[in-house]
Amino acid sequence: MTGMRLATDTRGDWHVINVQGRVDSVTASELTAALLAAVTNHSQIAVDCSTVEYISSAGLASLIEGARAARNADKQFRVCSPSPRVRRVFEISGVSNLLDIHEGLPC
């Protein structure tokens, strides 16, 4: 897959954003916009990263910006089910210390 696709779903009180494909300098602004809109409109946001194939520093910045906006608005923001490759990028970059990362999606 080239590029990125976003899909949304609801699980209980959680607004879930499913991210698929590549999150890079070309697609990161679209992700940021989706995350900020979700923070504006929902109190609990989960970002499903299970089908993210690649994430660059621009993608990491998008997640951090979404998490920061949620924190400032006193809302919950989780990054869920990162693929092994994405989890490794989180660990190497130190982003895992900045994000609330969960192995699965909320019920």
PDB file of N, CA and C in Angstrom:
ATOM      1  N   MET A   1       0.843  -1.179   0.000  1.00  0.00           N
ATOM      2  CA  MET A   1       0.000   0.000   0.000  1.00  0.00           C
ATOM      3  C   MET A   1       0.887   1.241   0.000  1.00  0.00           C
ATOM      4  N   THR A   2       0.576   2.166  -0.843  1.00  0.00           N
ATOM      5  CA  THR A   2       1.250   3.453  -0.805  1.00  0.00           C
ATOM      6  C   THR A   2       0.281   4.459  -0.209  1.00  0.00           C
ATOM      7  N   GLY A   3       0.801   5.427   0.491  1.00  0.00           N
ATOM      8  CA  GLY A   3      -0.062   6.426   1.105  1.00  0.00           C
ATOM      9  C   GLY A   3      -0.666   5.919   2.398  1.00  0.00           C
ATOM     10  N   MET A   4      -1.673   6.655   2.845  1.00  0.00           N
ATOM     11  CA  MET A   4      -2.306   6.362   4.118  1.00  0.00           C
ATOM     12  C   MET A   4      -3.817   6.420   3.939  1.00  0.00           C
ATOM     13  N   ARG A   5      -4.507   5.562   4.678  1.00  0.00           N
ATOM     14  CA  ARG A   5      -5.968   5.620   4.726  1.00  0.00           C
ATOM     15  C   ARG A   5      -6.394   5.732   6.174  1.00  0.00           C
ATOM     16  N   LEU A   6      -7.430   6.536   6.402  1.00  0.00           N
ATOM     17  CA  LEU A   6      -7.994   6.688   7.735  1.00  0.00           C
ATOM     18  C   LEU A   6      -9.438   6.223   7.711  1.00  0.00           C
ATOM     19  N   ALA A   7      -9.837   5.538   8.747  1.00  0.00           N
ATOM     20  CA  ALA A   7     -11.227   5.136   8.927  1.00  0.00           C
ATOM     21  C   ALA A   7     -11.576   5.375  10.394  1.00  0.00           C
ATOM     22  N   THR A   8     -12.843   5.650  10.665  1.00  0.00           N
ATOM     23  CA  THR A   8     -13.253   5.883  12.044  1.00  0.00           C
ATOM     24  C   THR A   8     -14.325   4.888  12.447  1.00  0.00           C
ATOM     25  N   ASP A   9     -14.396   4.662  13.744  1.00  0.00           N
ATOM     26  CA  ASP A   9     -15.350   3.727  14.310  1.00  0.00           C
ATOM     27  C   ASP A   9     -15.625   4.176  15.744  1.00  0.00           C
ATOM     28  N   THR A  10     -16.637   3.589  16.350  1.00  0.00           N
ATOM     29  CA  THR A  10     -16.940   3.854  17.751  1.00  0.00           C
ATOM     30  C   THR A  10     -16.935   2.532  18.493  1.00  0.00           C
ATOM     31  N   ARG A  11     -16.273   2.518  19.638  1.00  0.00           N
ATOM     32  CA  ARG A  11     -16.252   1.341  20.511  1.00  0.00           C
ATOM     33  C   ARG A  11     -16.606   1.830  21.900  1.00  0.00           C
ATOM     34  N   GLY A  12     -17.853   1.599  22.307  1.00  0.00           N
ATOM     35  CA  GLY A  12     -18.308   2.128  23.587  1.00  0.00           C
ATOM     36  C   GLY A  12     -18.280   3.647  23.530  1.00  0.00           C
ATOM     37  N   ASP A  13     -17.584   4.254  24.477  1.00  0.00           N
ATOM     38  CA  ASP A  13     -17.453   5.718  24.514  1.00  0.00           C
ATOM     39  C   ASP A  13     -16.235   6.213  23.744  1.00  0.00           C
ATOM     40  N   TRP A  14     -15.516   5.323  23.108  1.00  0.00           N
ATOM     41  CA  TRP A  14     -14.270   5.682  22.425  1.00  0.00           C
ATOM     42  C   TRP A  14     -14.501   5.949  20.943  1.00  0.00           C
ATOM     43  N   HIS A  15     -13.900   7.024  20.458  1.00  0.00           N
ATOM     44  CA  HIS A  15     -13.841   7.318  19.031  1.00  0.00           C
ATOM     45  C   HIS A  15     -12.520   6.724  18.542  1.00  0.00           C
ATOM     46  N   VAL A  16     -12.594   5.779  17.617  1.00  0.00           N
ATOM     47  CA  VAL A  16     -11.404   5.064  17.146  1.00  0.00           C
ATOM     48  C   VAL A  16     -11.040   5.549  15.748  1.00  0.00           C
ATOM     49  N   ILE A  17      -9.784   5.922  15.587  1.00  0.00           N
ATOM     50  CA  ILE A  17      -9.253   6.284  14.274  1.00  0.00           C
ATOM     51  C   ILE A  17      -8.299   5.173  13.859  1.00  0.00           C
ATOM     52  N   ASN A  18      -8.658   4.466  12.801  1.00  0.00           N
ATOM     53  CA  ASN A  18      -7.816   3.396  12.285  1.00  0.00           C
ATOM     54  C   ASN A  18      -6.903   3.993  11.211  1.00  0.00           C
ATOM     55  N   VAL A  19      -5.610   3.838  11.407  1.00  0.00           N
ATOM     56  CA  VAL A  19      -4.617   4.373  10.480  1.00  0.00           C
ATOM     57  C   VAL A  19      -4.000   3.190   9.727  1.00  0.00           C
ATOM     58  N   GLN A  20      -4.014   3.258   8.405  1.00  0.00           N
ATOM     59  CA  GLN A  20      -3.459   2.186   7.583  1.00  0.00           C
ATOM     60  C   GLN A  20      -2.416   2.746   6.630  1.00  0.00           C
ATOM     61  N   GLY A  21      -1.351   1.981   6.420  1.00  0.00           N
ATOM     62  CA  GLY A  21      -0.356   2.360   5.415  1.00  0.00           C
ATOM     63  C   GLY A  21       0.831   3.112   5.977  1.00  0.00           C
ATOM     64  N   ARG A  22       1.230   4.155   5.250  1.00  0.00           N
ATOM     65  CA  ARG A  22       2.444   4.911   5.566  1.00  0.00           C
ATOM     66  C   ARG A  22       2.097   6.289   6.122  1.00  0.00           C
ATOM     67  N   VAL A  23       2.649   6.578   7.290  1.00  0.00           N
ATOM     68  CA  VAL A  23       2.485   7.905   7.883  1.00  0.00           C
ATOM     69  C   VAL A  23       3.845   8.589   7.760  1.00  0.00           C
ATOM     70  N   ASP A  24       3.927   9.501   6.804  1.00  0.00           N
ATOM     71  CA  ASP A  24       5.200  10.158   6.509  1.00  0.00           C
ATOM     72  C   ASP A  24       4.964  11.640   6.263  1.00  0.00           C
ATOM     73  N   SER A  25       5.945  12.318   5.725  1.00  0.00           N
ATOM     74  CA  SER A  25       5.830  13.769   5.519  1.00  0.00           C
ATOM     75  C   SER A  25       4.720  14.135   4.538  1.00  0.00           C
ATOM     76  N   VAL A  26       4.342  13.204   3.691  1.00  0.00           N
ATOM     77  CA  VAL A  26       3.267  13.464   2.725  1.00  0.00           C
ATOM     78  C   VAL A  26       1.891  13.329   3.386  1.00  0.00           C
ATOM     79  N   THR A  27       1.748  12.402   4.311  1.00  0.00           N
ATOM     80  CA  THR A  27       0.437  12.093   4.888  1.00  0.00           C
ATOM     81  C   THR A  27       0.227  12.603   6.312  1.00  0.00           C
ATOM     82  N   ALA A  28       1.283  13.032   6.969  1.00  0.00           N
ATOM     83  CA  ALA A  28       1.190  13.406   8.383  1.00  0.00           C
ATOM     84  C   ALA A  28       0.215  14.552   8.636  1.00  0.00           C
ATOM     85  N   SER A  29       0.148  15.519   7.745  1.00  0.00           N
ATOM     86  CA  SER A  29      -0.765  16.648   7.978  1.00  0.00           C
ATOM     87  C   SER A  29      -2.219  16.180   7.974  1.00  0.00           C
ATOM     88  N   GLU A  30      -2.547  15.193   7.157  1.00  0.00           N
ATOM     89  CA  GLU A  30      -3.906  14.644   7.146  1.00  0.00           C
ATOM     90  C   GLU A  30      -4.214  13.944   8.473  1.00  0.00           C
ATOM     91  N   LEU A  31      -3.231  13.203   8.997  1.00  0.00           N
ATOM     92  CA  LEU A  31      -3.410  12.544  10.285  1.00  0.00           C
ATOM     93  C   LEU A  31      -3.572  13.577  11.392  1.00  0.00           C
ATOM     94  N   THR A  32      -2.731  14.591  11.391  1.00  0.00           N
ATOM     95  CA  THR A  32      -2.831  15.636  12.411  1.00  0.00           C
ATOM     96  C   THR A  32      -4.213  16.272  12.405  1.00  0.00           C
ATOM     97  N   ALA A  33      -4.710  16.611  11.228  1.00  0.00           N
ATOM     98  CA  ALA A  33      -6.037  17.226  11.118  1.00  0.00           C
ATOM     99  C   ALA A  33      -7.118  16.303  11.675  1.00  0.00           C
ATOM    100  N   ALA A  34      -7.028  15.009  11.367  1.00  0.00           N
ATOM    101  CA  ALA A  34      -8.016  14.049  11.861  1.00  0.00           C
ATOM    102  C   ALA A  34      -7.951  13.916  13.383  1.00  0.00           C
ATOM    103  N   LEU A  35      -6.736  13.901  13.926  1.00  0.00           N
ATOM    104  CA  LEU A  35      -6.583  13.778  15.375  1.00  0.00           C
ATOM    105  C   LEU A  35      -7.105  15.010  16.095  1.00  0.00           C
ATOM    106  N   LEU A  36      -6.781  16.189  15.592  1.00  0.00           N
ATOM    107  CA  LEU A  36      -7.239  17.416  16.237  1.00  0.00           C
ATOM    108  C   LEU A  36      -8.756  17.553  16.150  1.00  0.00           C
ATOM    109  N   ALA A  37      -9.345  17.156  15.032  1.00  0.00           N
ATOM    110  CA  ALA A  37     -10.810  17.174  14.908  1.00  0.00           C
ATOM    111  C   ALA A  37     -11.438  16.202  15.905  1.00  0.00           C
ATOM    112  N   ALA A  38     -10.826  15.036  16.055  1.00  0.00           N
ATOM    113  CA  ALA A  38     -11.341  14.048  17.005  1.00  0.00           C
ATOM    114  C   ALA A  38     -11.281  14.582  18.431  1.00  0.00           C
ATOM    115  N   VAL A  39     -10.191  15.243  18.783  1.00  0.00           N
ATOM    116  CA  VAL A  39     -10.062  15.812  20.120  1.00  0.00           C
ATOM    117  C   VAL A  39     -11.121  16.892  20.350  1.00  0.00           C
ATOM    118  N   THR A  40     -11.412  17.654  19.326  1.00  0.00           N
ATOM    119  CA  THR A  40     -12.437  18.696  19.443  1.00  0.00           C
ATOM    120  C   THR A  40     -13.818  18.091  19.679  1.00  0.00           C
ATOM    121  N   ASN A  41     -14.098  16.963  19.035  1.00  0.00           N
ATOM    122  CA  ASN A  41     -15.456  16.423  19.020  1.00  0.00           C
ATOM    123  C   ASN A  41     -15.708  15.226  19.930  1.00  0.00           C
ATOM    124  N   HIS A  42     -14.672  14.673  20.555  1.00  0.00           N
ATOM    125  CA  HIS A  42     -14.844  13.455  21.359  1.00  0.00           C
ATOM    126  C   HIS A  42     -14.018  13.556  22.639  1.00  0.00           C
ATOM    127  N   SER A  43     -14.473  12.876  23.679  1.00  0.00           N
ATOM    128  CA  SER A  43     -13.749  12.926  24.958  1.00  0.00           C
ATOM    129  C   SER A  43     -12.734  11.800  25.110  1.00  0.00           C
ATOM    130  N   GLN A  44     -12.881  10.732  24.309  1.00  0.00           N
ATOM    131  CA  GLN A  44     -11.964   9.605  24.372  1.00  0.00           C
ATOM    132  C   GLN A  44     -11.593   9.211  22.944  1.00  0.00           C
ATOM    133  N   ILE A  45     -10.296   9.270  22.651  1.00  0.00           N
ATOM    134  CA  ILE A  45      -9.808   8.998  21.302  1.00  0.00           C
ATOM    135  C   ILE A  45      -8.792   7.861  21.362  1.00  0.00           C
ATOM    136  N   ALA A  46      -8.979   6.870  20.503  1.00  0.00           N
ATOM    137  CA  ALA A  46      -8.023   5.772  20.375  1.00  0.00           C
ATOM    138  C   ALA A  46      -7.533   5.746  18.933  1.00  0.00           C
ATOM    139  N   VAL A  47      -6.222   5.686  18.766  1.00  0.00           N
ATOM    140  CA  VAL A  47      -5.629   5.631  17.436  1.00  0.00           C
ATOM    141  C   VAL A  47      -5.114   4.210  17.221  1.00  0.00           C
ATOM    142  N   ASP A  48      -5.766   3.493  16.308  1.00  0.00           N
ATOM    143  CA  ASP A  48      -5.408   2.106  16.009  1.00  0.00           C
ATOM    144  C   ASP A  48      -4.263   2.095  14.999  1.00  0.00           C
ATOM    145  N   CYS A  49      -3.092   1.663  15.444  1.00  0.00           N
ATOM    146  CA  CYS A  49      -1.896   1.645  14.586  1.00  0.00           C
ATOM    147  C   CYS A  49      -1.523   0.228  14.152  1.00  0.00           C
ATOM    148  N   SER A  50      -2.458  -0.696  14.244  1.00  0.00           N
ATOM    149  CA  SER A  50      -2.143  -2.098  13.953  1.00  0.00           C
ATOM    150  C   SER A  50      -1.797  -2.344  12.487  1.00  0.00           C
ATOM    151  N   THR A  51      -2.259  -1.478  11.587  1.00  0.00           N
ATOM    152  CA  THR A  51      -1.969  -1.685  10.169  1.00  0.00           C
ATOM    153  C   THR A  51      -1.100  -0.564   9.591  1.00  0.00           C
ATOM    154  N   VAL A  52      -0.372   0.117  10.459  1.00  0.00           N
ATOM    155  CA  VAL A  52       0.593   1.113   9.988  1.00  0.00           C
ATOM    156  C   VAL A  52       1.844   0.356   9.553  1.00  0.00           C
ATOM    157  N   GLU A  53       2.236   0.541   8.298  1.00  0.00           N
ATOM    158  CA  GLU A  53       3.401  -0.145   7.747  1.00  0.00           C
ATOM    159  C   GLU A  53       4.699   0.618   8.013  1.00  0.00           C
ATOM    160  N   TYR A  54       4.593   1.940   8.086  1.00  0.00           N
ATOM    161  CA  TYR A  54       5.776   2.794   8.228  1.00  0.00           C
ATOM    162  C   TYR A  54       5.345   4.081   8.907  1.00  0.00           C
ATOM    163  N   ILE A  55       6.176   4.593   9.808  1.00  0.00           N
ATOM    164  CA  ILE A  55       5.917   5.892  10.418  1.00  0.00           C
ATOM    165  C   ILE A  55       7.229   6.665  10.488  1.00  0.00           C
ATOM    166  N   SER A  56       7.204   7.898  10.008  1.00  0.00           N
ATOM    167  CA  SER A  56       8.397   8.752  10.018  1.00  0.00           C
ATOM    168  C   SER A  56       8.318   9.701  11.211  1.00  0.00           C
ATOM    169  N   SER A  57       9.315  10.549  11.319  1.00  0.00           N
ATOM    170  CA  SER A  57       9.303  11.549  12.392  1.00  0.00           C
ATOM    171  C   SER A  57       8.112  12.489  12.250  1.00  0.00           C
ATOM    172  N   ALA A  58       7.674  12.754  11.028  1.00  0.00           N
ATOM    173  CA  ALA A  58       6.487  13.591  10.824  1.00  0.00           C
ATOM    174  C   ALA A  58       5.240  12.894  11.379  1.00  0.00           C
ATOM    175  N   GLY A  59       5.159  11.593  11.207  1.00  0.00           N
ATOM    176  CA  GLY A  59       4.045  10.834  11.773  1.00  0.00           C
ATOM    177  C   GLY A  59       4.089  10.817  13.289  1.00  0.00           C
ATOM    178  N   LEU A  60       5.276  10.661  13.846  1.00  0.00           N
ATOM    179  CA  LEU A  60       5.424  10.720  15.303  1.00  0.00           C
ATOM    180  C   LEU A  60       4.982  12.079  15.824  1.00  0.00           C
ATOM    181  N   ALA A  61       5.361  13.132  15.123  1.00  0.00           N
ATOM    182  CA  ALA A  61       4.965  14.487  15.525  1.00  0.00           C
ATOM    183  C   ALA A  61       3.449  14.638  15.501  1.00  0.00           C
ATOM    184  N   SER A  62       2.776  14.027  14.536  1.00  0.00           N
ATOM    185  CA  SER A  62       1.311  14.078  14.478  1.00  0.00           C
ATOM    186  C   SER A  62       0.694  13.439  15.711  1.00  0.00           C
ATOM    187  N   LEU A  63       1.183  12.271  16.096  1.00  0.00           N
ATOM    188  CA  LEU A  63       0.661  11.594  17.280  1.00  0.00           C
ATOM    189  C   LEU A  63       0.913  12.416  18.540  1.00  0.00           C
ATOM    190  N   ILE A  64       2.102  12.984  18.643  1.00  0.00           N
ATOM    191  CA  ILE A  64       2.425  13.806  19.812  1.00  0.00           C
ATOM    192  C   ILE A  64       1.528  15.041  19.863  1.00  0.00           C
ATOM    193  N   GLU A  65       1.284  15.653  18.718  1.00  0.00           N
ATOM    194  CA  GLU A  65       0.414  16.828  18.677  1.00  0.00           C
ATOM    195  C   GLU A  65      -1.013  16.470  19.097  1.00  0.00           C
ATOM    196  N   GLY A  66      -1.513  15.333  18.626  1.00  0.00           N
ATOM    197  CA  GLY A  66      -2.844  14.885  19.034  1.00  0.00           C
ATOM    198  C   GLY A  66      -2.910  14.616  20.532  1.00  0.00           C
ATOM    199  N   ALA A  67      -1.895  13.940  21.048  1.00  0.00           N
ATOM    200  CA  ALA A  67      -1.853  13.638  22.484  1.00  0.00           C
ATOM    201  C   ALA A  67      -1.777  14.920  23.310  1.00  0.00           C
ATOM    202  N   ARG A  68      -0.993  15.876  22.866  1.00  0.00           N
ATOM    203  CA  ARG A  68      -0.863  17.148  23.579  1.00  0.00           C
ATOM    204  C   ARG A  68      -2.193  17.907  23.584  1.00  0.00           C
ATOM    205  N   ALA A  69      -2.859  17.940  22.439  1.00  0.00           N
ATOM    206  CA  ALA A  69      -4.159  18.621  22.354  1.00  0.00           C
ATOM    207  C   ALA A  69      -5.165  17.967  23.294  1.00  0.00           C
ATOM    208  N   ALA A  70      -5.171  16.639  23.333  1.00  0.00           N
ATOM    209  CA  ALA A  70      -6.089  15.930  24.227  1.00  0.00           C
ATOM    210  C   ALA A  70      -5.767  16.223  25.687  1.00  0.00           C
ATOM    211  N   ARG A  71      -4.503  16.200  26.031  1.00  0.00           N
ATOM    212  CA  ARG A  71      -4.094  16.487  27.406  1.00  0.00           C
ATOM    213  C   ARG A  71      -4.517  17.899  27.803  1.00  0.00           C
ATOM    214  N   ASN A  72      -4.309  18.862  26.904  1.00  0.00           N
ATOM    215  CA  ASN A  72      -4.683  20.255  27.189  1.00  0.00           C
ATOM    216  C   ASN A  72      -6.190  20.428  27.319  1.00  0.00           C
ATOM    217  N   ALA A  73      -6.958  19.567  26.662  1.00  0.00           N
ATOM    218  CA  ALA A  73      -8.424  19.632  26.720  1.00  0.00           C
ATOM    219  C   ALA A  73      -8.989  18.680  27.778  1.00  0.00           C
ATOM    220  N   ASP A  74      -8.107  18.041  28.548  1.00  0.00           N
ATOM    221  CA  ASP A  74      -8.495  17.092  29.591  1.00  0.00           C
ATOM    222  C   ASP A  74      -9.320  15.941  29.018  1.00  0.00           C
ATOM    223  N   LYS A  75      -8.827  15.386  27.907  1.00  0.00           N
ATOM    224  CA  LYS A  75      -9.476  14.261  27.246  1.00  0.00           C
ATOM    225  C   LYS A  75      -8.504  13.093  27.177  1.00  0.00           C
ATOM    226  N   GLN A  76      -9.041  11.882  26.986  1.00  0.00           N
ATOM    227  CA  GLN A  76      -8.197  10.695  26.910  1.00  0.00           C
ATOM    228  C   GLN A  76      -7.766  10.440  25.470  1.00  0.00           C
ATOM    229  N   PHE A  77      -6.500  10.074  25.312  1.00  0.00           N
ATOM    230  CA  PHE A  77      -5.919   9.825  23.993  1.00  0.00           C
ATOM    231  C   PHE A  77      -4.992   8.632  24.116  1.00  0.00           C
ATOM    232  N   ARG A  78      -5.311   7.571  23.386  1.00  0.00           N
ATOM    233  CA  ARG A  78      -4.491   6.355  23.411  1.00  0.00           C
ATOM    234  C   ARG A  78      -4.015   5.996  22.015  1.00  0.00           C
ATOM    235  N   VAL A  79      -2.811   5.479  21.963  1.00  0.00           N
ATOM    236  CA  VAL A  79      -2.287   4.870  20.741  1.00  0.00           C
ATOM    237  C   VAL A  79      -2.361   3.371  20.982  1.00  0.00           C
ATOM    238  N   CYS A  80      -3.067   2.662  20.107  1.00  0.00           N
ATOM    239  CA  CYS A  80      -3.378   1.258  20.355  1.00  0.00           C
ATOM    240  C   CYS A  80      -2.812   0.328  19.283  1.00  0.00           C
ATOM    241  N   SER A  81      -2.445  -0.843  19.742  1.00  0.00           N
ATOM    242  CA  SER A  81      -2.047  -1.963  18.875  1.00  0.00           C
ATOM    243  C   SER A  81      -0.987  -1.605  17.836  1.00  0.00           C
ATOM    244  N   PRO A  82       0.096  -0.942  18.232  1.00  0.00           N
ATOM    245  CA  PRO A  82       1.106  -0.640  17.204  1.00  0.00           C
ATOM    246  C   PRO A  82       1.711  -1.922  16.645  1.00  0.00           C
ATOM    247  N   SER A  83       1.913  -1.918  15.338  1.00  0.00           N
ATOM    248  CA  SER A  83       2.570  -3.060  14.702  1.00  0.00           C
ATOM    249  C   SER A  83       3.980  -3.174  15.284  1.00  0.00           C
ATOM    250  N   PRO A  84       4.612  -4.330  15.187  1.00  0.00           N
ATOM    251  CA  PRO A  84       5.963  -4.486  15.735  1.00  0.00           C
ATOM    252  C   PRO A  84       6.944  -3.440  15.183  1.00  0.00           C
ATOM    253  N   ARG A  85       6.851  -3.156  13.916  1.00  0.00           N
ATOM    254  CA  ARG A  85       7.751  -2.174  13.304  1.00  0.00           C
ATOM    255  C   ARG A  85       7.524  -0.781  13.906  1.00  0.00           C
ATOM    256  N   VAL A  86       6.265  -0.413  14.076  1.00  0.00           N
ATOM    257  CA  VAL A  86       5.942   0.904  14.639  1.00  0.00           C
ATOM    258  C   VAL A  86       6.334   0.961  16.112  1.00  0.00           C
ATOM    259  N   ARG A  87       6.090  -0.115  16.843  1.00  0.00           N
ATOM    260  CA  ARG A  87       6.485  -0.157  18.258  1.00  0.00           C
ATOM    261  C   ARG A  87       7.994   0.058  18.385  1.00  0.00           C
ATOM    262  N   ARG A  88       8.754  -0.532  17.497  1.00  0.00           N
ATOM    263  CA  ARG A  88      10.219  -0.377  17.534  1.00  0.00           C
ATOM    264  C   ARG A  88      10.603   1.085  17.304  1.00  0.00           C
ATOM    265  N   VAL A  89       9.941   1.747  16.351  1.00  0.00           N
ATOM    266  CA  VAL A  89      10.208   3.171  16.104  1.00  0.00           C
ATOM    267  C   VAL A  89       9.858   3.995  17.348  1.00  0.00           C
ATOM    268  N   PHE A  90       8.736   3.669  18.008  1.00  0.00           N
ATOM    269  CA  PHE A  90       8.354   4.364  19.240  1.00  0.00           C
ATOM    270  C   PHE A  90       9.459   4.218  20.288  1.00  0.00           C
ATOM    271  N   GLU A  91       9.977   3.002  20.438  1.00  0.00           N
ATOM    272  CA  GLU A  91      11.007   2.742  21.449  1.00  0.00           C
ATOM    273  C   GLU A  91      12.312   3.461  21.124  1.00  0.00           C
ATOM    274  N   ILE A  92      12.755   3.359  19.880  1.00  0.00           N
ATOM    275  CA  ILE A  92      14.029   3.972  19.479  1.00  0.00           C
ATOM    276  C   ILE A  92      13.976   5.490  19.619  1.00  0.00           C
ATOM    277  N   SER A  93      12.845   6.068  19.241  1.00  0.00           N
ATOM    278  CA  SER A  93      12.719   7.531  19.251  1.00  0.00           C
ATOM    279  C   SER A  93      12.427   8.098  20.638  1.00  0.00           C
ATOM    280  N   GLY A  94      12.022   7.251  21.570  1.00  0.00           N
ATOM    281  CA  GLY A  94      11.648   7.735  22.897  1.00  0.00           C
ATOM    282  C   GLY A  94      10.201   8.199  22.978  1.00  0.00           C
ATOM    283  N   VAL A  95       9.460   8.096  21.889  1.00  0.00           N
ATOM    284  CA  VAL A  95       8.065   8.532  21.857  1.00  0.00           C
ATOM    285  C   VAL A  95       7.210   7.676  22.792  1.00  0.00           C
ATOM    286  N   SER A  96       7.626   6.448  23.032  1.00  0.00           N
ATOM    287  CA  SER A  96       6.845   5.581  23.914  1.00  0.00           C
ATOM    288  C   SER A  96       6.720   6.175  25.316  1.00  0.00           C
ATOM    289  N   ASN A  97       7.618   7.080  25.680  1.00  0.00           N
ATOM    290  CA  ASN A  97       7.535   7.759  26.979  1.00  0.00           C
ATOM    291  C   ASN A  97       6.573   8.936  26.952  1.00  0.00           C
ATOM    292  N   LEU A  98       6.174   9.380  25.761  1.00  0.00           N
ATOM    293  CA  LEU A  98       5.314  10.553  25.620  1.00  0.00           C
ATOM    294  C   LEU A  98       3.861  10.210  25.318  1.00  0.00           C
ATOM    295  N   LEU A  99       3.615   8.976  24.880  1.00  0.00           N
ATOM    296  CA  LEU A  99       2.274   8.570  24.475  1.00  0.00           C
ATOM    297  C   LEU A  99       1.730   7.493  25.405  1.00  0.00           C
ATOM    298  N   ASP A 100       0.414   7.431  25.530  1.00  0.00           N
ATOM    299  CA  ASP A 100      -0.266   6.389  26.266  1.00  0.00           C
ATOM    300  C   ASP A 100      -0.513   5.245  25.290  1.00  0.00           C
ATOM    301  N   ILE A 101       0.358   4.229  25.309  1.00  0.00           N
ATOM    302  CA  ILE A 101       0.323   3.153  24.322  1.00  0.00           C
ATOM    303  C   ILE A 101      -0.284   1.900  24.965  1.00  0.00           C
ATOM    304  N   HIS A 102      -1.238   1.289  24.245  1.00  0.00           N
ATOM    305  CA  HIS A 102      -1.917   0.088  24.716  1.00  0.00           C
ATOM    306  C   HIS A 102      -1.812  -1.009  23.663  1.00  0.00           C
ATOM    307  N   GLU A 103      -1.771  -2.243  24.134  1.00  0.00           N
ATOM    308  CA  GLU A 103      -1.650  -3.382  23.208  1.00  0.00           C
ATOM    309  C   GLU A 103      -2.920  -3.617  22.403  1.00  0.00           C
ATOM    310  N   GLY A 104      -4.070  -3.301  22.940  1.00  0.00           N
ATOM    311  CA  GLY A 104      -5.324  -3.537  22.236  1.00  0.00           C
ATOM    312  C   GLY A 104      -6.204  -2.302  22.242  1.00  0.00           C
ATOM    313  N   LEU A 105      -7.303  -2.405  21.509  1.00  0.00           N
ATOM    314  CA  LEU A 105      -8.262  -1.305  21.467  1.00  0.00           C
ATOM    315  C   LEU A 105      -9.160  -1.353  22.691  1.00  0.00           C
ATOM    316  N   PRO A 106      -9.692  -0.191  23.099  1.00  0.00           N
ATOM    317  CA  PRO A 106     -10.637  -0.198  24.220  1.00  0.00           C
ATOM    318  C   PRO A 106     -11.936  -0.902  23.814  1.00  0.00           C
ATOM    319  N   CYS A 107     -12.621  -1.471  24.777  1.00  0.00           N
ATOM    320  CA  CYS A 107     -13.883  -2.183  24.499  1.00  0.00           C
ATOM    321  C   CYS A 107     -15.022  -1.212  24.249  1.00  0.00           C
TER     322      CYS A 107
END
